[in-house]
Amino acid sequence: MKNNLLFDFTVDKATKTILVKREFNAELSLVWDAFTKQEILDQWWGPKPYISKTKFMDFKVGGRRFYAMVSPDGKEGWSLQKYTSISPKTNFKMYNTFADKDENPELPGSEWDLSFSEQNGITKVSIIIRNESLARMEKASEGFRQGFTICLQQLDELL
């Protein structure tokens, strides 16, 4: 990684958990906005050549984000995120699941717990992803490590 910033991606099959830790050379408020504002999320969330297309997002407890990952040939893979807890600029939690184009969830899903902290102008994001089933985790993690790594690099460039 550039600038020796922390990046760690750990998969624990026994607990069906993925842990991602990533540092950004940016102020906490900028990184927080990048994860919580639709217009910024869509600029980095899809790993190139895919793009993220948010149909709607309401970042509040009980709110949702419904978005598609769009392939270069226009194929859409939809996901639904439901925000379950928000502590501004420090943490938010959401339930994430794949869905069809009509918002019908494809269960099981996963619970995401995202924590943000800043020290000396470096913001650290820690993400714990708890999957409801090992099969779902294995299905999702096949390309997830590579795709999410690309997304986080894109965010780093955007910041």
N, C-alpha and C. Protein backbone atom coordinates (compact mmCIF):
# COMPACT_ATOMS: atom_id res chain seq x y z
N MET A 1 0.84 -1.18 0.00
CA MET A 1 0.00 0.00 0.00
C MET A 1 0.88 1.24 0.00
N LYS A 2 0.38 2.27 -0.60
CA LYS A 2 1.09 3.54 -0.61
C LYS A 2 1.14 4.10 0.81
N ASN A 3 2.21 4.80 1.14
CA ASN A 3 2.35 5.50 2.41
C ASN A 3 2.32 4.57 3.62
N ASN A 4 2.50 3.27 3.42
CA ASN A 4 2.49 2.31 4.53
C ASN A 4 1.21 2.36 5.36
N LEU A 5 0.10 2.66 4.74
CA LEU A 5 -1.18 2.68 5.45
C LEU A 5 -1.65 1.25 5.68
N LEU A 6 -2.27 1.03 6.83
CA LEU A 6 -2.76 -0.29 7.20
C LEU A 6 -3.82 -0.80 6.25
N PHE A 7 -3.67 -2.06 5.85
CA PHE A 7 -4.74 -2.77 5.15
C PHE A 7 -4.66 -4.22 5.59
N ASP A 8 -5.74 -4.71 6.18
CA ASP A 8 -5.79 -6.09 6.64
C ASP A 8 -7.16 -6.66 6.28
N PHE A 9 -7.16 -7.87 5.74
CA PHE A 9 -8.39 -8.55 5.35
C PHE A 9 -8.28 -9.97 5.88
N THR A 10 -9.13 -10.31 6.86
CA THR A 10 -9.06 -11.61 7.52
C THR A 10 -10.41 -12.31 7.41
N VAL A 11 -10.38 -13.59 7.04
CA VAL A 11 -11.59 -14.41 6.96
C VAL A 11 -11.50 -15.48 8.05
N ASP A 12 -12.55 -15.57 8.86
CA ASP A 12 -12.62 -16.57 9.92
C ASP A 12 -13.84 -17.45 9.65
N LYS A 13 -13.60 -18.60 9.02
CA LYS A 13 -14.72 -19.49 8.66
C LYS A 13 -15.45 -20.02 9.89
N ALA A 14 -14.72 -20.24 10.98
CA ALA A 14 -15.33 -20.80 12.19
C ALA A 14 -16.44 -19.89 12.72
N THR A 15 -16.23 -18.57 12.62
CA THR A 15 -17.24 -17.63 13.13
C THR A 15 -18.04 -16.97 12.00
N LYS A 16 -17.77 -17.39 10.75
CA LYS A 16 -18.45 -16.84 9.56
C LYS A 16 -18.27 -15.32 9.48
N THR A 17 -17.06 -14.86 9.82
CA THR A 17 -16.79 -13.43 9.93
C THR A 17 -15.64 -13.01 9.02
N ILE A 18 -15.81 -11.84 8.42
CA ILE A 18 -14.74 -11.20 7.67
C ILE A 18 -14.40 -9.90 8.40
N LEU A 19 -13.12 -9.66 8.61
CA LEU A 19 -12.66 -8.44 9.27
C LEU A 19 -11.77 -7.68 8.30
N VAL A 20 -12.14 -6.43 8.05
CA VAL A 20 -11.35 -5.57 7.17
C VAL A 20 -10.93 -4.34 7.98
N LYS A 21 -9.63 -4.03 7.94
CA LYS A 21 -9.12 -2.81 8.56
C LYS A 21 -8.36 -2.05 7.49
N ARG A 22 -8.65 -0.75 7.37
CA ARG A 22 -8.02 0.05 6.32
C ARG A 22 -7.82 1.47 6.82
N GLU A 23 -6.64 2.01 6.58
CA GLU A 23 -6.36 3.39 6.92
C GLU A 23 -6.38 4.25 5.66
N PHE A 24 -6.78 5.51 5.85
CA PHE A 24 -6.82 6.48 4.76
C PHE A 24 -6.11 7.75 5.22
N ASN A 25 -5.35 8.34 4.34
CA ASN A 25 -4.67 9.60 4.63
C ASN A 25 -5.65 10.74 4.38
N ALA A 26 -6.66 10.82 5.24
CA ALA A 26 -7.74 11.81 5.10
C ALA A 26 -8.41 12.01 6.44
N GLU A 27 -9.05 13.18 6.60
CA GLU A 27 -9.77 13.47 7.83
C GLU A 27 -10.98 12.56 7.97
N LEU A 28 -11.32 12.28 9.21
CA LEU A 28 -12.44 11.39 9.52
C LEU A 28 -13.73 11.84 8.84
N SER A 29 -14.03 13.13 8.85
CA SER A 29 -15.29 13.60 8.27
C SER A 29 -15.38 13.27 6.77
N LEU A 30 -14.26 13.34 6.07
CA LEU A 30 -14.27 13.00 4.64
C LEU A 30 -14.51 11.51 4.42
N VAL A 31 -13.86 10.68 5.22
CA VAL A 31 -14.03 9.23 5.08
C VAL A 31 -15.45 8.83 5.48
N TRP A 32 -15.96 9.40 6.56
CA TRP A 32 -17.34 9.13 6.99
C TRP A 32 -18.31 9.47 5.86
N ASP A 33 -18.17 10.65 5.26
CA ASP A 33 -19.05 11.05 4.16
C ASP A 33 -18.95 10.08 2.99
N ALA A 34 -17.76 9.57 2.72
CA ALA A 34 -17.57 8.65 1.60
C ALA A 34 -18.34 7.35 1.79
N PHE A 35 -18.57 6.98 3.04
CA PHE A 35 -19.32 5.75 3.33
C PHE A 35 -20.82 6.00 3.54
N THR A 36 -21.21 7.26 3.73
CA THR A 36 -22.60 7.53 4.14
C THR A 36 -23.38 8.45 3.21
N LYS A 37 -22.76 8.95 2.15
CA LYS A 37 -23.46 9.83 1.21
C LYS A 37 -23.48 9.19 -0.17
N GLN A 38 -24.68 9.05 -0.70
CA GLN A 38 -24.90 8.36 -1.97
C GLN A 38 -24.03 8.88 -3.10
N GLU A 39 -23.93 10.19 -3.23
CA GLU A 39 -23.20 10.75 -4.36
C GLU A 39 -21.70 10.43 -4.31
N ILE A 40 -21.17 10.18 -3.11
CA ILE A 40 -19.76 9.81 -2.99
C ILE A 40 -19.61 8.29 -3.09
N LEU A 41 -20.50 7.56 -2.43
CA LEU A 41 -20.46 6.08 -2.48
C LEU A 41 -20.44 5.56 -3.91
N ASP A 42 -21.28 6.11 -4.75
CA ASP A 42 -21.37 5.62 -6.13
C ASP A 42 -20.11 5.89 -6.94
N GLN A 43 -19.23 6.75 -6.43
CA GLN A 43 -17.98 7.03 -7.15
C GLN A 43 -16.90 5.98 -6.89
N TRP A 44 -17.05 5.19 -5.81
CA TRP A 44 -15.97 4.25 -5.49
C TRP A 44 -16.42 2.85 -5.11
N TRP A 45 -17.69 2.65 -4.81
CA TRP A 45 -18.15 1.37 -4.27
C TRP A 45 -18.05 0.22 -5.27
N GLY A 46 -18.18 0.45 -6.55
CA GLY A 46 -18.08 -0.62 -7.54
C GLY A 46 -16.65 -0.81 -8.02
N PRO A 47 -16.11 -2.04 -7.94
CA PRO A 47 -14.74 -2.25 -8.41
C PRO A 47 -14.68 -2.18 -9.93
N LYS A 48 -13.86 -1.26 -10.45
CA LYS A 48 -13.76 -1.10 -11.90
C LYS A 48 -13.48 -2.44 -12.54
N PRO A 49 -14.12 -2.77 -13.64
CA PRO A 49 -14.93 -1.91 -14.51
C PRO A 49 -16.41 -1.81 -14.11
N TYR A 50 -16.80 -2.39 -12.97
CA TYR A 50 -18.17 -2.28 -12.51
C TYR A 50 -18.40 -0.88 -11.93
N ILE A 51 -19.66 -0.46 -11.92
CA ILE A 51 -20.01 0.80 -11.26
C ILE A 51 -21.16 0.54 -10.31
N SER A 52 -21.27 1.40 -9.31
CA SER A 52 -22.35 1.33 -8.35
C SER A 52 -23.41 2.34 -8.76
N LYS A 53 -24.66 1.88 -8.77
CA LYS A 53 -25.79 2.75 -9.14
C LYS A 53 -26.83 2.66 -8.03
N THR A 54 -26.93 3.71 -7.21
CA THR A 54 -27.88 3.71 -6.11
C THR A 54 -29.24 4.17 -6.61
N LYS A 55 -30.26 3.35 -6.36
CA LYS A 55 -31.63 3.74 -6.71
C LYS A 55 -32.19 4.68 -5.65
N PHE A 56 -31.95 4.34 -4.37
CA PHE A 56 -32.31 5.26 -3.29
C PHE A 56 -31.46 4.94 -2.07
N MET A 57 -31.28 5.97 -1.24
CA MET A 57 -30.53 5.82 0.00
C MET A 57 -31.08 6.80 1.02
N ASP A 58 -31.38 6.27 2.21
CA ASP A 58 -31.88 7.08 3.31
C ASP A 58 -31.04 6.70 4.53
N PHE A 59 -29.94 7.43 4.74
CA PHE A 59 -29.00 7.08 5.80
C PHE A 59 -29.53 7.58 7.14
N LYS A 60 -30.30 6.72 7.79
CA LYS A 60 -30.82 6.96 9.13
C LYS A 60 -31.17 5.58 9.70
N VAL A 61 -31.30 5.49 11.01
CA VAL A 61 -31.69 4.22 11.61
C VAL A 61 -33.05 3.83 11.05
N GLY A 62 -33.14 2.64 10.51
CA GLY A 62 -34.36 2.17 9.87
C GLY A 62 -34.39 2.50 8.38
N GLY A 63 -33.46 3.32 7.91
CA GLY A 63 -33.38 3.67 6.50
C GLY A 63 -32.68 2.58 5.69
N ARG A 64 -32.71 2.77 4.37
CA ARG A 64 -32.15 1.74 3.49
C ARG A 64 -31.38 2.37 2.33
N ARG A 65 -30.49 1.57 1.78
CA ARG A 65 -29.84 1.86 0.51
C ARG A 65 -30.11 0.67 -0.40
N PHE A 66 -30.64 0.96 -1.59
CA PHE A 66 -30.90 -0.06 -2.60
C PHE A 66 -30.08 0.32 -3.82
N TYR A 67 -29.17 -0.57 -4.19
CA TYR A 67 -28.24 -0.23 -5.26
C TYR A 67 -27.90 -1.45 -6.11
N ALA A 68 -27.35 -1.17 -7.28
CA ALA A 68 -26.91 -2.24 -8.17
C ALA A 68 -25.43 -2.07 -8.48
N MET A 69 -24.77 -3.20 -8.62
CA MET A 69 -23.44 -3.24 -9.20
C MET A 69 -23.70 -3.51 -10.68
N VAL A 70 -23.24 -2.61 -11.53
CA VAL A 70 -23.53 -2.70 -12.95
C VAL A 70 -22.25 -3.08 -13.71
N SER A 71 -22.34 -4.17 -14.47
CA SER A 71 -21.19 -4.64 -15.24
C SER A 71 -21.03 -3.79 -16.50
N PRO A 72 -19.88 -3.87 -17.15
CA PRO A 72 -19.67 -3.09 -18.38
C PRO A 72 -20.72 -3.36 -19.47
N ASP A 73 -21.30 -4.58 -19.46
CA ASP A 73 -22.33 -4.89 -20.46
C ASP A 73 -23.74 -4.57 -19.98
N GLY A 74 -23.85 -3.90 -18.81
CA GLY A 74 -25.14 -3.43 -18.31
C GLY A 74 -25.88 -4.38 -17.40
N LYS A 75 -25.30 -5.53 -17.09
CA LYS A 75 -25.97 -6.48 -16.19
C LYS A 75 -25.94 -5.92 -14.78
N GLU A 76 -27.08 -5.97 -14.08
CA GLU A 76 -27.23 -5.41 -12.74
C GLU A 76 -27.34 -6.50 -11.68
N GLY A 77 -26.55 -6.38 -10.63
CA GLY A 77 -26.64 -7.24 -9.46
C GLY A 77 -27.05 -6.38 -8.28
N TRP A 78 -28.26 -6.56 -7.78
CA TRP A 78 -28.83 -5.66 -6.77
C TRP A 78 -28.51 -6.10 -5.35
N SER A 79 -28.41 -5.11 -4.45
CA SER A 79 -28.22 -5.34 -3.02
C SER A 79 -29.06 -4.36 -2.23
N LEU A 80 -29.42 -4.78 -1.04
CA LEU A 80 -30.22 -3.96 -0.14
C LEU A 80 -29.50 -3.87 1.20
N GLN A 81 -29.34 -2.65 1.69
CA GLN A 81 -28.73 -2.41 2.99
C GLN A 81 -29.74 -1.71 3.88
N LYS A 82 -29.90 -2.21 5.10
CA LYS A 82 -30.81 -1.59 6.07
C LYS A 82 -29.98 -1.13 7.26
N TYR A 83 -30.05 0.17 7.56
CA TYR A 83 -29.25 0.75 8.64
C TYR A 83 -29.92 0.47 9.98
N THR A 84 -29.17 -0.16 10.89
CA THR A 84 -29.73 -0.58 12.17
C THR A 84 -29.24 0.25 13.35
N SER A 85 -28.11 0.95 13.19
CA SER A 85 -27.55 1.75 14.26
C SER A 85 -26.60 2.78 13.64
N ILE A 86 -26.66 4.02 14.15
CA ILE A 86 -25.76 5.07 13.66
C ILE A 86 -25.30 5.91 14.84
N SER A 87 -23.99 5.99 15.01
CA SER A 87 -23.36 6.91 15.96
C SER A 87 -22.49 7.83 15.09
N PRO A 88 -22.97 9.03 14.80
CA PRO A 88 -22.31 9.90 13.82
C PRO A 88 -20.80 9.98 13.96
N LYS A 89 -20.15 9.77 12.85
CA LYS A 89 -18.70 9.88 12.67
C LYS A 89 -17.88 8.86 13.45
N THR A 90 -18.53 7.90 14.10
CA THR A 90 -17.77 6.87 14.80
C THR A 90 -18.16 5.45 14.40
N ASN A 91 -19.45 5.21 14.14
CA ASN A 91 -19.88 3.84 13.86
C ASN A 91 -21.25 3.82 13.21
N PHE A 92 -21.44 2.87 12.30
CA PHE A 92 -22.80 2.53 11.87
C PHE A 92 -22.85 1.04 11.57
N LYS A 93 -24.06 0.51 11.72
CA LYS A 93 -24.29 -0.91 11.48
C LYS A 93 -25.41 -1.04 10.46
N MET A 94 -25.29 -2.10 9.67
CA MET A 94 -26.33 -2.34 8.67
C MET A 94 -26.45 -3.83 8.40
N TYR A 95 -27.63 -4.19 7.91
CA TYR A 95 -27.87 -5.54 7.45
C TYR A 95 -27.80 -5.48 5.93
N ASN A 96 -27.01 -6.35 5.34
CA ASN A 96 -26.77 -6.34 3.90
C ASN A 96 -27.20 -7.67 3.29
N THR A 97 -27.92 -7.60 2.18
CA THR A 97 -28.31 -8.82 1.48
C THR A 97 -28.40 -8.55 -0.01
N PHE A 98 -28.15 -9.60 -0.79
CA PHE A 98 -28.40 -9.49 -2.22
C PHE A 98 -29.91 -9.42 -2.41
N ALA A 99 -30.34 -8.89 -3.54
CA ALA A 99 -31.78 -8.73 -3.80
C ALA A 99 -32.04 -8.80 -5.30
N ASP A 100 -33.32 -8.88 -5.64
CA ASP A 100 -33.66 -8.77 -7.06
C ASP A 100 -34.00 -7.32 -7.37
N LYS A 101 -34.30 -7.03 -8.61
CA LYS A 101 -34.53 -5.64 -9.03
C LYS A 101 -35.77 -5.02 -8.38
N ASP A 102 -36.61 -5.85 -7.76
CA ASP A 102 -37.82 -5.36 -7.10
C ASP A 102 -37.67 -5.27 -5.58
N GLU A 103 -36.45 -5.31 -5.09
CA GLU A 103 -36.10 -5.19 -3.68
C GLU A 103 -36.41 -6.41 -2.83
N ASN A 104 -36.69 -7.54 -3.46
CA ASN A 104 -36.94 -8.76 -2.69
C ASN A 104 -35.59 -9.33 -2.26
N PRO A 105 -35.35 -9.44 -0.95
CA PRO A 105 -34.04 -9.90 -0.48
C PRO A 105 -33.78 -11.37 -0.79
N GLU A 106 -32.51 -11.67 -1.02
CA GLU A 106 -32.05 -13.04 -1.22
C GLU A 106 -31.34 -13.43 0.07
N LEU A 107 -32.04 -14.14 0.92
CA LEU A 107 -31.51 -14.50 2.23
C LEU A 107 -30.69 -15.77 2.13
N PRO A 108 -29.74 -16.01 2.99
CA PRO A 108 -29.37 -15.19 4.14
C PRO A 108 -28.51 -14.00 3.74
N GLY A 109 -28.30 -13.11 4.71
CA GLY A 109 -27.50 -11.92 4.47
C GLY A 109 -26.33 -11.83 5.44
N SER A 110 -25.91 -10.59 5.70
CA SER A 110 -24.80 -10.39 6.64
C SER A 110 -24.99 -9.08 7.40
N GLU A 111 -24.45 -9.06 8.59
CA GLU A 111 -24.48 -7.85 9.42
C GLU A 111 -23.12 -7.18 9.34
N TRP A 112 -23.12 -5.89 9.02
CA TRP A 112 -21.89 -5.11 8.91
C TRP A 112 -21.82 -4.14 10.08
N ASP A 113 -20.64 -4.05 10.68
CA ASP A 113 -20.37 -3.13 11.78
C ASP A 113 -19.14 -2.32 11.37
N LEU A 114 -19.33 -1.03 11.06
CA LEU A 114 -18.26 -0.17 10.56
C LEU A 114 -17.89 0.86 11.61
N SER A 115 -16.62 0.88 12.01
CA SER A 115 -16.14 1.82 13.01
C SER A 115 -15.07 2.72 12.39
N PHE A 116 -15.10 4.00 12.80
CA PHE A 116 -14.21 5.02 12.24
C PHE A 116 -13.48 5.72 13.38
N SER A 117 -12.17 5.93 13.20
CA SER A 117 -11.39 6.70 14.17
C SER A 117 -10.28 7.43 13.43
N GLU A 118 -9.83 8.53 14.03
CA GLU A 118 -8.78 9.33 13.40
C GLU A 118 -7.67 9.61 14.40
N GLN A 119 -6.45 9.54 13.90
CA GLN A 119 -5.29 9.91 14.71
C GLN A 119 -4.25 10.53 13.78
N ASN A 120 -3.84 11.75 14.10
CA ASN A 120 -2.83 12.47 13.32
C ASN A 120 -3.16 12.56 11.83
N GLY A 121 -4.44 12.82 11.52
CA GLY A 121 -4.86 12.99 10.13
C GLY A 121 -5.05 11.70 9.35
N ILE A 122 -4.85 10.56 10.01
CA ILE A 122 -5.07 9.25 9.38
C ILE A 122 -6.35 8.66 9.95
N THR A 123 -7.28 8.32 9.06
CA THR A 123 -8.55 7.73 9.50
C THR A 123 -8.51 6.22 9.29
N LYS A 124 -8.87 5.50 10.35
CA LYS A 124 -8.92 4.04 10.30
C LYS A 124 -10.39 3.60 10.25
N VAL A 125 -10.67 2.71 9.32
CA VAL A 125 -11.99 2.12 9.21
C VAL A 125 -11.85 0.63 9.52
N SER A 126 -12.63 0.16 10.48
CA SER A 126 -12.66 -1.26 10.83
C SER A 126 -14.05 -1.78 10.51
N ILE A 127 -14.10 -2.84 9.72
CA ILE A 127 -15.37 -3.39 9.29
C ILE A 127 -15.44 -4.86 9.70
N ILE A 128 -16.47 -5.19 10.45
CA ILE A 128 -16.73 -6.57 10.82
C ILE A 128 -17.98 -7.01 10.06
N ILE A 129 -17.85 -8.07 9.30
CA ILE A 129 -18.97 -8.60 8.52
C ILE A 129 -19.29 -9.99 9.05
N ARG A 130 -20.46 -10.10 9.69
CA ARG A 130 -20.90 -11.38 10.24
C ARG A 130 -21.95 -11.98 9.30
N ASN A 131 -21.61 -13.12 8.72
CA ASN A 131 -22.50 -13.77 7.77
C ASN A 131 -23.44 -14.73 8.48
N GLU A 132 -24.66 -14.81 7.99
CA GLU A 132 -25.65 -15.68 8.62
C GLU A 132 -25.39 -17.15 8.33
N SER A 133 -24.67 -17.44 7.24
CA SER A 133 -24.37 -18.83 6.93
C SER A 133 -22.97 -18.92 6.31
N LEU A 134 -22.32 -20.06 6.53
CA LEU A 134 -21.00 -20.29 5.94
C LEU A 134 -21.11 -20.33 4.42
N ALA A 135 -22.18 -20.94 3.91
CA ALA A 135 -22.36 -21.02 2.45
C ALA A 135 -22.47 -19.63 1.84
N ARG A 136 -23.20 -18.74 2.51
CA ARG A 136 -23.34 -17.37 2.00
C ARG A 136 -22.00 -16.66 2.04
N MET A 137 -21.25 -16.85 3.14
CA MET A 137 -19.96 -16.21 3.25
C MET A 137 -19.03 -16.70 2.15
N GLU A 138 -19.01 -18.00 1.92
CA GLU A 138 -18.13 -18.54 0.88
C GLU A 138 -18.54 -18.05 -0.50
N LYS A 139 -19.84 -17.98 -0.75
CA LYS A 139 -20.33 -17.47 -2.04
C LYS A 139 -19.93 -16.01 -2.22
N ALA A 140 -20.14 -15.22 -1.19
CA ALA A 140 -19.86 -13.79 -1.27
C ALA A 140 -18.37 -13.50 -1.28
N SER A 141 -17.59 -14.32 -0.56
CA SER A 141 -16.18 -13.99 -0.43
C SER A 141 -15.33 -14.46 -1.60
N GLU A 142 -15.91 -15.24 -2.54
CA GLU A 142 -15.15 -15.70 -3.70
C GLU A 142 -14.46 -14.54 -4.39
N GLY A 143 -15.21 -13.51 -4.74
CA GLY A 143 -14.62 -12.35 -5.39
C GLY A 143 -14.60 -11.13 -4.50
N PHE A 144 -15.11 -11.27 -3.28
CA PHE A 144 -15.25 -10.11 -2.40
C PHE A 144 -13.90 -9.51 -2.01
N ARG A 145 -12.95 -10.35 -1.64
CA ARG A 145 -11.65 -9.83 -1.21
C ARG A 145 -11.04 -8.97 -2.32
N GLN A 146 -10.99 -9.50 -3.52
CA GLN A 146 -10.40 -8.75 -4.63
C GLN A 146 -11.22 -7.51 -4.97
N GLY A 147 -12.54 -7.67 -5.06
CA GLY A 147 -13.40 -6.54 -5.41
C GLY A 147 -13.39 -5.43 -4.38
N PHE A 148 -13.45 -5.81 -3.09
CA PHE A 148 -13.49 -4.80 -2.03
C PHE A 148 -12.13 -4.10 -1.92
N THR A 149 -11.05 -4.85 -2.15
CA THR A 149 -9.72 -4.24 -2.15
C THR A 149 -9.64 -3.16 -3.23
N ILE A 150 -10.15 -3.46 -4.41
CA ILE A 150 -10.17 -2.47 -5.50
C ILE A 150 -11.01 -1.27 -5.11
N CYS A 151 -12.19 -1.52 -4.52
CA CYS A 151 -13.06 -0.42 -4.09
C CYS A 151 -12.34 0.50 -3.11
N LEU A 152 -11.67 -0.08 -2.12
CA LEU A 152 -10.98 0.72 -1.12
C LEU A 152 -9.81 1.50 -1.73
N GLN A 153 -9.16 0.93 -2.74
CA GLN A 153 -8.11 1.67 -3.45
C GLN A 153 -8.71 2.84 -4.22
N GLN A 154 -9.88 2.62 -4.80
CA GLN A 154 -10.57 3.70 -5.52
C GLN A 154 -10.96 4.82 -4.55
N LEU A 155 -11.42 4.44 -3.35
CA LEU A 155 -11.75 5.44 -2.34
C LEU A 155 -10.49 6.22 -1.95
N ASP A 156 -9.39 5.52 -1.77
CA ASP A 156 -8.13 6.16 -1.43
C ASP A 156 -7.76 7.21 -2.48
N GLU A 157 -7.91 6.87 -3.75
CA GLU A 157 -7.61 7.81 -4.84
C GLU A 157 -8.58 8.99 -4.83
N LEU A 158 -9.85 8.72 -4.55
CA LEU A 158 -10.86 9.77 -4.52
C LEU A 158 -10.60 10.78 -3.39
N LEU A 159 -10.17 10.25 -2.25
CA LEU A 159 -9.91 11.12 -1.10
C LEU A 159 -8.69 12.01 -1.35
